[in-house]
């Protein structure tokens, strides 16, 4: 459900932010490292640190607002 939104954001923010997806079933170390317990969980990093987190599906505009708030 969130995958297509993440792909759109990746295109919208090309050159300004790196937006990607990780399959935590195939990469369980990622979910352990970042304490991901629910899917979907979206993490926003700045300078290598988590600065915001969204658990659960939300509208594209909400995620875009979170990205804009960190730029």
N, C-alpha and C. Protein backbone atom coordinates (compact mmCIF):
# COMPACT_ATOMS: atom_id res chain seq x y z
N UNK A 1 0.81 -1.19 0.00
CA UNK A 1 0.00 0.00 0.00
C UNK A 1 0.87 1.27 0.00
N UNK A 2 1.93 1.28 0.78
CA UNK A 2 2.79 2.46 0.88
C UNK A 2 3.86 2.45 -0.21
N UNK A 3 4.16 1.28 -0.76
CA UNK A 3 5.21 1.16 -1.78
C UNK A 3 5.08 2.14 -2.92
N UNK A 4 3.93 2.25 -3.56
CA UNK A 4 3.79 3.20 -4.66
C UNK A 4 4.01 4.65 -4.23
N UNK A 5 3.60 4.99 -3.01
CA UNK A 5 3.82 6.36 -2.51
C UNK A 5 5.30 6.62 -2.32
N UNK A 6 6.02 5.65 -1.79
CA UNK A 6 7.47 5.80 -1.60
C UNK A 6 8.15 5.97 -2.96
N UNK A 7 7.72 5.22 -3.96
CA UNK A 7 8.30 5.35 -5.30
C UNK A 7 8.02 6.73 -5.88
N UNK A 8 6.81 7.26 -5.68
CA UNK A 8 6.49 8.60 -6.16
C UNK A 8 7.35 9.65 -5.46
N UNK A 9 7.50 9.51 -4.15
CA UNK A 9 8.33 10.46 -3.40
C UNK A 9 9.78 10.40 -3.85
N UNK A 10 10.25 9.21 -4.18
CA UNK A 10 11.61 9.05 -4.68
C UNK A 10 11.81 9.88 -5.94
N UNK A 11 10.84 9.86 -6.82
CA UNK A 11 10.92 10.66 -8.05
C UNK A 11 10.76 12.14 -7.75
N UNK A 12 9.82 12.48 -6.88
CA UNK A 12 9.56 13.88 -6.55
C UNK A 12 10.77 14.56 -5.89
N UNK A 13 11.51 13.80 -5.10
CA UNK A 13 12.64 14.36 -4.34
C UNK A 13 14.00 13.98 -4.92
N UNK A 14 14.00 13.49 -6.14
CA UNK A 14 15.25 13.11 -6.81
C UNK A 14 16.23 14.28 -6.79
N UNK A 15 17.42 14.03 -6.29
CA UNK A 15 18.44 15.07 -6.21
C UNK A 15 18.38 15.89 -4.93
N UNK A 16 17.30 15.75 -4.16
CA UNK A 16 17.18 16.50 -2.91
C UNK A 16 17.18 15.60 -1.69
N UNK A 17 16.71 14.37 -1.85
CA UNK A 17 16.66 13.40 -0.75
C UNK A 17 16.74 12.00 -1.35
N UNK A 18 17.33 11.11 -0.61
CA UNK A 18 17.39 9.71 -1.01
C UNK A 18 16.20 9.00 -0.36
N UNK A 19 15.30 8.49 -1.19
CA UNK A 19 14.10 7.82 -0.70
C UNK A 19 14.13 6.39 -1.22
N UNK A 20 14.00 5.43 -0.31
CA UNK A 20 14.05 4.04 -0.74
C UNK A 20 13.25 3.14 0.17
N UNK A 21 13.22 1.87 -0.20
CA UNK A 21 12.47 0.86 0.56
C UNK A 21 13.42 -0.27 0.93
N UNK A 22 13.10 -0.93 2.03
CA UNK A 22 13.85 -2.10 2.47
C UNK A 22 12.82 -3.19 2.81
N UNK A 23 13.04 -4.37 2.29
CA UNK A 23 12.20 -5.52 2.63
C UNK A 23 12.74 -6.11 3.93
N UNK A 24 12.07 -5.81 5.04
CA UNK A 24 12.58 -6.26 6.33
C UNK A 24 12.46 -7.77 6.52
N UNK A 25 11.61 -8.43 5.75
CA UNK A 25 11.55 -9.89 5.81
C UNK A 25 12.84 -10.50 5.27
N UNK A 26 13.40 -9.88 4.23
CA UNK A 26 14.65 -10.35 3.64
C UNK A 26 15.88 -9.80 4.34
N UNK A 27 15.68 -8.73 5.14
CA UNK A 27 16.78 -8.07 5.84
C UNK A 27 16.41 -7.87 7.31
N UNK A 28 16.29 -8.94 8.08
CA UNK A 28 15.82 -8.82 9.46
C UNK A 28 16.73 -7.99 10.36
N UNK A 29 17.98 -7.87 10.01
CA UNK A 29 18.90 -7.06 10.81
C UNK A 29 18.51 -5.60 10.84
N UNK A 30 17.90 -5.12 9.75
CA UNK A 30 17.46 -3.73 9.69
C UNK A 30 16.35 -3.48 10.71
N UNK A 31 15.37 -4.37 10.76
CA UNK A 31 14.27 -4.17 11.71
C UNK A 31 14.77 -4.26 13.14
N UNK A 32 15.73 -5.13 13.40
CA UNK A 32 16.30 -5.24 14.74
C UNK A 32 17.07 -3.97 15.09
N UNK A 33 17.91 -3.51 14.18
CA UNK A 33 18.75 -2.34 14.42
C UNK A 33 17.92 -1.10 14.75
N UNK A 34 16.81 -0.92 14.03
CA UNK A 34 16.01 0.29 14.20
C UNK A 34 14.74 0.09 15.01
N UNK A 35 14.56 -1.09 15.59
CA UNK A 35 13.41 -1.35 16.45
C UNK A 35 12.08 -1.32 15.72
N UNK A 36 12.08 -1.78 14.47
CA UNK A 36 10.86 -1.79 13.68
C UNK A 36 10.02 -3.00 14.10
N UNK A 37 8.81 -2.72 14.57
CA UNK A 37 7.92 -3.78 15.02
C UNK A 37 6.64 -3.85 14.20
N UNK A 38 6.35 -2.78 13.46
CA UNK A 38 5.13 -2.71 12.66
C UNK A 38 5.47 -2.36 11.22
N UNK A 39 4.69 -2.89 10.32
CA UNK A 39 4.87 -2.62 8.90
C UNK A 39 3.60 -1.93 8.41
N UNK A 40 3.67 -0.83 7.72
CA UNK A 40 4.89 -0.13 7.33
C UNK A 40 5.39 0.81 8.42
N UNK A 41 6.71 0.95 8.48
CA UNK A 41 7.36 1.96 9.29
C UNK A 41 8.28 2.72 8.37
N UNK A 42 8.15 4.02 8.37
CA UNK A 42 9.00 4.88 7.54
C UNK A 42 9.90 5.70 8.45
N UNK A 43 11.18 5.65 8.19
CA UNK A 43 12.16 6.38 8.99
C UNK A 43 12.74 7.50 8.14
N UNK A 44 12.90 8.67 8.74
CA UNK A 44 13.53 9.79 8.05
C UNK A 44 14.83 10.07 8.77
N UNK A 45 15.90 10.02 7.99
CA UNK A 45 17.24 10.24 8.51
C UNK A 45 17.76 11.60 8.05
N UNK A 46 18.59 12.19 8.89
CA UNK A 46 19.32 13.40 8.51
C UNK A 46 20.67 13.31 9.19
N UNK A 47 21.72 13.40 8.40
CA UNK A 47 23.05 13.28 8.96
C UNK A 47 23.31 11.92 9.57
N UNK A 48 22.65 10.89 9.05
CA UNK A 48 22.85 9.53 9.54
C UNK A 48 22.06 9.19 10.79
N UNK A 49 21.27 10.13 11.30
CA UNK A 49 20.47 9.90 12.51
C UNK A 49 18.99 9.95 12.17
N UNK A 50 18.18 9.15 12.86
CA UNK A 50 16.73 9.20 12.68
C UNK A 50 16.20 10.50 13.28
N UNK A 51 15.50 11.27 12.46
CA UNK A 51 14.93 12.54 12.92
C UNK A 51 13.40 12.51 12.95
N UNK A 52 12.81 11.53 12.30
CA UNK A 52 11.35 11.41 12.31
C UNK A 52 10.99 9.97 11.95
N UNK A 53 9.79 9.59 12.36
CA UNK A 53 9.33 8.22 12.14
C UNK A 53 7.82 8.24 11.92
N UNK A 54 7.37 7.42 10.98
CA UNK A 54 5.94 7.28 10.73
C UNK A 54 5.61 5.80 10.74
N UNK A 55 4.74 5.40 11.64
CA UNK A 55 4.28 4.02 11.70
C UNK A 55 2.86 3.98 11.16
N UNK A 56 2.64 3.14 10.18
CA UNK A 56 1.33 3.02 9.57
C UNK A 56 1.24 3.83 8.28
N UNK A 57 0.25 3.47 7.49
CA UNK A 57 0.06 4.13 6.21
C UNK A 57 -0.58 5.51 6.41
N UNK A 58 -0.04 6.49 5.68
CA UNK A 58 -0.58 7.85 5.69
C UNK A 58 -0.57 8.37 4.26
N UNK A 59 -1.21 9.49 4.05
CA UNK A 59 -1.26 10.11 2.73
C UNK A 59 0.12 10.59 2.30
N UNK A 60 0.34 10.64 1.00
CA UNK A 60 1.59 11.13 0.43
C UNK A 60 1.91 12.52 0.96
N UNK A 61 0.91 13.36 1.10
CA UNK A 61 1.14 14.73 1.56
C UNK A 61 1.73 14.77 2.97
N UNK A 62 1.34 13.82 3.81
CA UNK A 62 1.89 13.75 5.17
C UNK A 62 3.38 13.42 5.12
N UNK A 63 3.74 12.42 4.30
CA UNK A 63 5.14 12.05 4.19
C UNK A 63 5.96 13.16 3.56
N UNK A 64 5.40 13.82 2.54
CA UNK A 64 6.09 14.94 1.90
C UNK A 64 6.32 16.06 2.92
N UNK A 65 5.35 16.31 3.76
CA UNK A 65 5.50 17.33 4.79
C UNK A 65 6.60 16.99 5.79
N UNK A 66 6.71 15.72 6.13
CA UNK A 66 7.77 15.29 7.03
C UNK A 66 9.14 15.48 6.37
N UNK A 67 9.24 15.14 5.08
CA UNK A 67 10.50 15.34 4.37
C UNK A 67 10.84 16.82 4.29
N UNK A 68 9.86 17.63 3.91
CA UNK A 68 10.10 19.07 3.77
C UNK A 68 10.53 19.68 5.11
N UNK A 69 9.99 19.18 6.19
CA UNK A 69 10.33 19.69 7.51
C UNK A 69 11.76 19.42 7.91
N UNK A 70 12.41 18.50 7.24
CA UNK A 70 13.79 18.14 7.57
C UNK A 70 14.80 18.71 6.56
N UNK A 71 14.31 19.39 5.57
CA UNK A 71 15.22 19.91 4.54
C UNK A 71 15.66 21.32 4.85
